[in-house]
Protein backbone atom coordinates (compact mmCIF):
# COMPACT_ATOMS: atom_id res chain seq x y z
CA MET A 1 -5.10 56.02 -33.48
CA LEU A 2 -8.09 54.20 -31.99
CA LEU A 3 -11.09 52.63 -33.74
CA SER A 4 -14.43 51.71 -32.23
CA GLN A 5 -17.94 50.81 -33.33
CA ILE A 6 -21.09 52.41 -31.98
CA LEU A 7 -24.82 52.34 -32.50
CA ASP A 8 -25.77 55.63 -34.18
CA ALA A 9 -28.99 57.55 -33.60
CA GLN A 10 -30.77 55.33 -36.15
CA GLY A 11 -29.59 52.12 -34.47
CA ASN A 12 -27.04 51.31 -37.18
CA CYS A 13 -23.38 50.42 -36.75
CA ALA A 14 -20.99 53.34 -37.27
CA VAL A 15 -17.19 53.40 -37.06
CA VAL A 16 -15.49 55.99 -34.87
CA VAL A 17 -11.84 57.05 -35.19
CA ARG A 18 -10.05 58.82 -32.37
CA ASN A 19 -6.82 60.77 -32.55
CA GLY A 20 -5.90 62.15 -29.16
CA SER A 21 -9.01 63.44 -27.42
CA GLU A 22 -10.99 64.02 -30.61
CA ALA A 23 -13.34 61.24 -31.79
CA GLY A 24 -15.60 61.37 -34.81
CA VAL A 25 -17.64 59.11 -37.10
CA LEU A 26 -15.86 57.88 -40.21
CA LYS A 27 -18.00 58.73 -43.24
CA GLY A 28 -18.87 56.07 -45.80
CA VAL A 29 -17.88 53.13 -43.59
CA SER A 30 -20.48 50.68 -42.29
CA SER A 31 -18.19 48.53 -40.13
CA THR A 32 -14.56 48.07 -39.10
CA TYR A 33 -14.59 44.72 -40.90
CA GLN A 34 -15.57 46.42 -44.17
CA LEU A 35 -12.84 49.02 -43.66
CA VAL A 36 -10.20 46.35 -43.00
CA MET A 37 -11.20 44.16 -45.95
CA ASP A 38 -11.12 47.22 -48.20
CA ALA A 39 -7.60 48.06 -47.02
CA ILE A 40 -6.43 44.47 -47.66
CA ARG A 41 -7.92 44.43 -51.17
CA ARG A 42 -6.29 47.78 -52.04
CA GLY A 43 -2.92 46.82 -50.58
CA GLN A 44 -3.04 49.76 -48.18
CA SER A 45 -2.31 50.03 -44.50
CA LEU A 46 -5.31 50.49 -42.25
CA ALA A 47 -4.11 53.99 -41.32
CA GLU A 48 -3.93 54.93 -45.02
CA ARG A 49 -7.43 53.62 -45.61
CA ILE A 50 -8.79 55.55 -42.64
CA ARG A 51 -7.22 58.78 -43.88
CA SER A 52 -8.94 58.33 -47.25
CA HIS A 53 -12.34 58.88 -45.58
CA GLU A 54 -13.81 62.10 -44.27
CA LEU A 55 -14.43 62.51 -40.60
CA GLY A 56 -18.04 63.22 -39.69
CA PRO A 57 -19.70 64.41 -36.49
CA ALA A 58 -17.79 64.35 -33.21
CA VAL A 59 -18.96 61.84 -30.60
CA ASP A 60 -18.53 61.46 -26.84
CA LEU A 61 -17.48 57.84 -26.32
CA ASP A 62 -17.73 58.04 -22.54
CA LYS A 63 -21.35 59.19 -22.86
CA LEU A 64 -22.07 56.46 -25.41
CA ALA A 65 -20.63 53.94 -22.96
CA GLU A 66 -23.05 55.17 -20.29
CA ASP A 67 -25.91 54.85 -22.77
CA GLY A 68 -24.96 51.26 -23.72
CA ARG A 69 -24.23 52.15 -27.34
CA LEU A 70 -20.70 50.80 -27.64
CA LEU A 71 -20.22 47.70 -29.79
CA LEU A 72 -17.27 45.38 -30.21
CA PRO A 73 -14.60 47.34 -32.10
CA LEU A 74 -14.58 44.68 -34.84
CA HIS A 75 -16.90 41.78 -35.61
CA HIS A 76 -17.57 39.38 -38.48
CA PRO A 77 -21.04 39.53 -40.08
CA ASP A 78 -21.24 35.75 -39.53
CA PRO A 79 -20.29 34.90 -35.91
CA ALA A 80 -19.17 31.41 -36.96
CA HIS A 81 -16.23 33.05 -38.78
CA MET A 82 -14.90 34.80 -35.69
CA HIS A 83 -12.58 32.89 -33.33
CA LEU A 84 -11.80 33.68 -29.69
CA THR A 85 -8.56 32.06 -28.54
CA GLY A 86 -5.74 32.72 -26.10
CA THR A 87 -2.46 31.77 -24.54
CA GLY A 88 -1.48 31.30 -20.92
CA LEU A 89 1.72 31.35 -18.86
CA THR A 90 3.08 34.05 -21.16
CA HIS A 91 3.64 36.83 -18.62
CA LEU A 92 6.33 37.18 -15.98
CA GLY A 93 4.62 36.24 -12.74
CA SER A 94 1.93 34.15 -14.42
CA ALA A 95 3.47 30.86 -13.30
CA ALA A 96 3.36 31.95 -9.67
CA THR A 97 -0.29 32.87 -10.07
CA ARG A 98 -1.11 29.53 -11.69
CA ASP A 99 0.87 27.61 -9.07
CA ALA A 100 -1.07 29.36 -6.32
CA MET A 101 -4.31 28.30 -8.00
CA HIS A 102 -3.17 24.70 -8.34
CA ALA A 103 -1.46 24.40 -4.95
CA LYS A 104 -1.78 20.97 -3.36
CA THR A 105 -1.74 20.14 0.30
CA GLU A 106 1.17 17.74 -0.07
CA THR A 107 3.84 18.69 -2.58
CA GLU A 108 7.56 18.04 -2.33
CA GLU A 109 9.77 21.12 -2.49
CA THR A 110 11.67 19.64 -5.41
CA GLN A 111 8.60 18.89 -7.50
CA MET A 112 8.07 21.28 -10.40
CA THR A 113 4.47 21.61 -11.59
CA ASP A 114 3.57 21.30 -15.25
CA SER A 115 2.63 24.99 -15.16
CA MET A 116 6.10 25.94 -13.97
CA LYS A 117 7.71 23.66 -16.56
CA MET A 118 5.69 25.35 -19.32
CA PHE A 119 6.60 28.78 -18.00
CA ARG A 120 10.31 27.89 -17.84
CA MET A 121 10.18 26.68 -21.44
CA GLY A 122 8.87 30.09 -22.45
CA LEU A 123 11.59 31.90 -20.50
CA GLU A 124 14.24 29.80 -22.21
CA ASN A 125 12.91 29.85 -25.78
CA GLY A 126 9.82 32.06 -26.06
CA LYS A 127 11.59 34.99 -27.71
CA PRO A 128 13.57 33.46 -30.58
CA ALA A 129 15.68 35.61 -32.86
CA ASN A 130 16.54 35.47 -36.58
CA GLY A 131 13.04 34.54 -37.69
CA HIS A 132 13.06 31.09 -36.10
CA ALA A 133 10.10 29.64 -34.22
CA GLY A 134 10.44 29.29 -30.47
CA VAL A 135 8.73 26.94 -28.04
CA GLN A 136 4.96 26.52 -28.18
CA PRO A 137 2.94 28.39 -25.55
CA GLU A 138 -0.04 27.04 -23.68
CA TRP A 139 -3.02 27.58 -26.01
CA PHE A 140 -6.78 27.44 -25.57
CA TYR A 141 -10.03 27.98 -27.47
CA LYS A 142 -12.87 30.07 -26.06
CA GLY A 143 -15.47 29.96 -28.80
CA ASN A 144 -16.66 31.74 -31.91
CA GLY A 145 -18.30 35.13 -32.36
CA SER A 146 -21.39 33.99 -30.45
CA SER A 147 -19.19 34.06 -27.31
CA ALA A 148 -18.03 37.66 -27.92
CA VAL A 149 -19.82 40.07 -25.57
CA PRO A 150 -19.81 43.80 -26.37
CA PRO A 151 -18.46 46.34 -23.89
CA GLY A 152 -21.11 46.97 -21.27
CA GLY A 153 -22.69 43.56 -21.85
CA ASP A 154 -23.09 40.73 -19.34
CA LEU A 155 -20.50 37.97 -19.06
CA VAL A 156 -22.66 34.98 -18.14
CA SER A 157 -21.43 31.93 -16.25
CA PRO A 158 -23.67 28.99 -17.28
CA GLY A 159 -25.47 26.91 -14.68
CA PHE A 160 -23.12 23.93 -15.02
CA CYS A 161 -20.08 26.04 -14.07
CA ASP A 162 -18.32 26.24 -10.73
CA ASP A 163 -17.34 29.90 -10.87
CA GLY A 164 -16.56 32.84 -13.12
CA GLY A 165 -13.81 35.42 -12.83
CA GLU A 166 -12.12 38.18 -14.78
CA GLU A 167 -8.77 38.05 -16.56
CA PRO A 168 -7.44 41.46 -17.72
CA GLU A 169 -5.50 41.02 -20.94
CA ILE A 170 -4.41 42.56 -24.20
CA ALA A 171 -5.85 40.90 -27.31
CA GLY A 172 -4.49 40.97 -30.82
CA ILE A 173 -7.19 41.46 -33.48
CA TYR A 174 -6.64 39.83 -36.89
CA VAL A 175 -8.41 39.42 -40.22
CA ILE A 176 -7.33 36.75 -42.72
CA GLY A 177 -6.78 38.05 -46.23
CA PRO A 178 -7.98 36.40 -49.47
CA ASP A 179 -4.60 34.67 -49.85
CA GLY A 180 -4.72 33.20 -46.33
CA THR A 181 -2.32 35.73 -44.80
CA PRO A 182 -3.17 36.89 -41.26
CA ASN A 183 -3.41 40.69 -41.05
CA ARG A 184 -2.99 42.23 -37.62
CA VAL A 185 -5.51 45.05 -37.30
CA GLY A 186 -4.40 46.19 -33.84
CA PHE A 187 -4.82 45.56 -30.14
CA ALA A 188 -7.60 45.95 -27.58
CA LEU A 189 -8.27 45.50 -23.90
CA ALA A 190 -9.91 42.15 -23.17
CA ASN A 191 -11.67 40.38 -20.32
CA GLU A 192 -10.90 36.68 -20.77
CA PHE A 193 -13.64 35.42 -18.45
CA SER A 194 -12.82 31.94 -17.03
CA ASP A 195 -13.90 29.36 -14.46
CA HIS A 196 -10.93 29.19 -12.11
CA VAL A 197 -12.60 26.89 -9.58
CA MET A 198 -13.12 24.27 -12.29
CA GLU A 199 -9.54 24.66 -13.51
CA ARG A 200 -8.15 24.33 -9.99
CA GLN A 201 -9.71 20.84 -9.60
CA ASN A 202 -7.34 19.51 -12.26
CA TYR A 203 -5.31 21.43 -14.83
CA LEU A 204 -6.64 19.05 -17.50
CA TYR A 205 -9.96 20.86 -17.00
CA LEU A 206 -8.38 24.00 -18.46
CA ALA A 207 -10.09 23.42 -21.82
CA HIS A 208 -13.50 23.24 -20.14
CA SER A 209 -12.81 26.26 -17.92
CA LYS A 210 -12.04 28.48 -20.92
CA LEU A 211 -15.24 27.79 -22.87
CA ARG A 212 -16.87 30.95 -21.55
CA PRO A 213 -17.83 34.31 -23.05
CA ALA A 214 -15.27 37.10 -23.33
CA SER A 215 -15.34 40.80 -24.08
CA PHE A 216 -12.87 43.13 -25.77
CA GLY A 217 -12.63 46.80 -26.66
CA PRO A 218 -14.30 49.25 -26.59
CA GLU A 219 -11.51 50.77 -28.68
CA LEU A 220 -8.98 49.09 -30.94
CA ARG A 221 -5.46 50.50 -31.01
CA VAL A 222 -4.13 50.64 -34.59
CA GLY A 223 -0.38 50.05 -34.91
CA ASP A 224 2.19 48.36 -32.72
CA LEU A 225 1.77 47.27 -29.12
CA PRO A 226 3.94 49.28 -26.72
CA ASP A 227 6.75 47.30 -25.15
CA HIS A 228 5.31 48.12 -21.72
CA VAL A 229 1.57 48.37 -21.05
CA GLU A 230 0.34 49.21 -17.58
CA GLY A 231 -3.30 49.12 -16.60
CA THR A 232 -5.70 48.56 -13.76
CA SER A 233 -8.26 45.84 -13.14
CA ARG A 234 -10.99 46.45 -10.58
CA ILE A 235 -14.17 44.81 -9.33
CA ILE A 236 -17.09 46.93 -8.17
CA ARG A 237 -19.79 45.33 -6.01
CA ASN A 238 -23.01 47.16 -5.14
CA GLY A 239 -21.45 50.44 -6.26
CA ALA A 240 -18.36 50.11 -4.04
CA LEU A 241 -14.80 49.11 -4.93
CA LEU A 242 -14.22 45.49 -3.86
CA TRP A 243 -10.80 44.75 -5.39
CA GLU A 244 -8.26 46.63 -7.46
CA LYS A 245 -4.84 45.71 -8.80
CA PRO A 246 -2.46 46.89 -11.53
CA PHE A 247 -1.63 44.61 -14.42
CA VAL A 248 1.12 44.80 -17.02
CA SER A 249 1.57 43.51 -20.54
CA GLY A 250 3.76 44.16 -23.56
CA GLU A 251 6.83 42.18 -24.54
CA SER A 252 9.04 43.58 -21.76
CA ASN A 253 6.67 41.88 -19.29
CA MET A 254 6.27 38.63 -21.22
CA SER A 255 8.16 35.36 -21.55
CA HIS A 256 7.14 35.07 -25.22
CA ASN A 257 7.29 37.69 -27.94
CA LEU A 258 4.26 38.43 -30.11
CA ALA A 259 5.87 36.94 -33.21
CA ASN A 260 6.22 33.58 -31.49
CA LEU A 261 2.67 33.61 -30.12
CA GLU A 262 1.28 34.59 -33.52
CA HIS A 263 3.31 31.91 -35.30
CA HIS A 264 2.06 29.12 -33.07
CA HIS A 265 -1.56 30.21 -33.62
CA PHE A 266 -1.50 30.88 -37.34
CA LYS A 267 0.75 27.93 -38.27
CA TYR A 268 -2.50 25.96 -38.46
CA GLY A 269 -4.26 26.20 -41.82
CA LEU A 270 -7.53 25.96 -39.92
CA PHE A 271 -6.89 29.49 -38.64
CA CYS A 272 -5.92 30.96 -42.01
CA GLN A 273 -9.29 30.79 -43.76
CA SER A 274 -9.97 33.81 -45.97
CA GLY A 275 -12.12 36.48 -44.34
CA ASP A 276 -12.11 35.02 -40.83
CA VAL A 277 -11.63 37.24 -37.76
CA HIS A 278 -9.40 36.21 -34.85
CA VAL A 279 -9.31 37.68 -31.36
CA HIS A 280 -6.22 36.20 -29.70
CA MET A 281 -5.73 37.00 -26.00
CA PHE A 282 -2.14 37.09 -24.82
CA GLY A 283 -2.52 36.19 -21.14
CA THR A 284 -2.13 37.86 -17.77
CA ALA A 285 -0.48 37.44 -14.37
CA THR A 286 -3.21 39.30 -12.47
CA LEU A 287 -6.39 37.61 -11.21
CA SER A 288 -8.70 38.52 -8.33
CA PHE A 289 -9.20 34.77 -7.82
CA ALA A 290 -5.52 34.36 -6.96
CA ASP A 291 -6.10 36.92 -4.18
CA GLY A 292 -8.96 34.89 -2.73
CA VAL A 293 -11.77 36.93 -4.28
CA SER A 294 -14.86 35.05 -5.42
CA CYS A 295 -16.95 37.01 -7.91
CA GLU A 296 -20.70 37.26 -7.37
CA ASP A 297 -23.72 37.88 -9.53
CA GLY A 298 -23.91 41.56 -10.41
CA ASP A 299 -20.23 42.39 -9.89
CA VAL A 300 -18.88 44.86 -12.45
CA VAL A 301 -15.37 44.40 -13.82
CA GLU A 302 -13.54 47.43 -15.18
CA ILE A 303 -10.28 47.07 -17.12
CA ALA A 304 -8.38 50.20 -18.17
CA ALA A 305 -4.95 51.02 -19.59
CA SER A 306 -3.37 54.22 -20.84
CA GLY A 307 -3.41 54.44 -24.64
CA PHE A 308 -6.39 52.10 -25.07
CA GLY A 309 -9.21 54.60 -24.71
CA VAL A 310 -12.46 54.03 -22.85
CA PRO A 311 -12.25 51.37 -20.09
CA LEU A 312 -13.78 47.96 -20.75
CA LYS A 313 -16.67 47.36 -18.36
CA ASN A 314 -18.80 44.23 -18.05
CA ARG A 315 -21.23 42.90 -15.48
CA LEU A 316 -20.81 39.32 -14.29
CA THR A 317 -23.92 37.18 -14.02
CA PHE A 318 -24.34 33.60 -12.87
CA ASP A 319 -27.11 31.31 -14.07
CA ALA A 320 -28.85 29.15 -11.48
CA LYS A 321 -27.16 25.79 -10.90
CA ASN A 322 -28.41 23.17 -13.30
CA ASN A 323 -27.16 19.57 -13.41
CA THR A 324 -29.80 18.34 -15.86
CA MET A 325 -28.35 16.18 -18.59
CA THR A 326 -28.29 17.68 -22.06
CA ALA A 327 -30.85 15.96 -24.27
CA VAL A 328 -29.64 14.67 -27.62
CA ARG A 329 -32.26 13.69 -30.16
CA VAL A 330 -31.65 10.54 -32.20
CA LEU A 331 -32.66 10.93 -35.85
């Protein structure tokens, strides 16, 4: 079952549910957030709550995508209560990708990078059993709901940045219940847009390089994440295919399991505030940057995977370079 949000003919948000090839508007529901909060309050699963509503008119999501009427599949009415976060070095092959990005001209064969050390820690203790917590993953913060870009929207690299590139990922979508319990709503495709040139200067710049917009959706997969997810990431420039590569996700392709990644995010009380929304991106081992591709203004990134519905498409834009100091007013 897949959920999405669209702009209806009157310009209002409507929730669409898809089973197989059939997609229709869910009657009596104004937003996915409202639907989820209602399910939490009633002690029902999301699937049960969906089935309690009638299905309205059928919709063509591919046509709505062309018309720019797809919204994020879930949002918080107050963007400050939506958090975009992620983990890195979680996928098999991700350490090699990171090492290639951080390669130095003079490195001893015996020297292990911090990236490789972190990756090895995950391999050794990222999938603990018996309910115990494993090793912490790399973790980063991207911003609040103001950084969330809807499918079809522009991912903008600010003027102070060095670059901007795609990262095809799977994101877990969560809503915190009234008692502080994280509720996993489902999973969605995500483009975790980052500044890899800035990160490559020094890995301690990772925090800066991740403070960029991101997009996810258009559809949200309700239920469990398949053990193996296989998709395709491509960049289109001036209407022609520039770069294309498969990517994989799911626990069989990861050095951490979801339970461990979720534990190390939600162990902080800060992230268990009632009503908040969390979009937590699980990482990738596939980047065009690692293949020597430098994205340009106007490039379109398309991320698709079987079982996740309509592909996620976003245009990349780059603001003009600006080194002007930020003015701070003294009161």
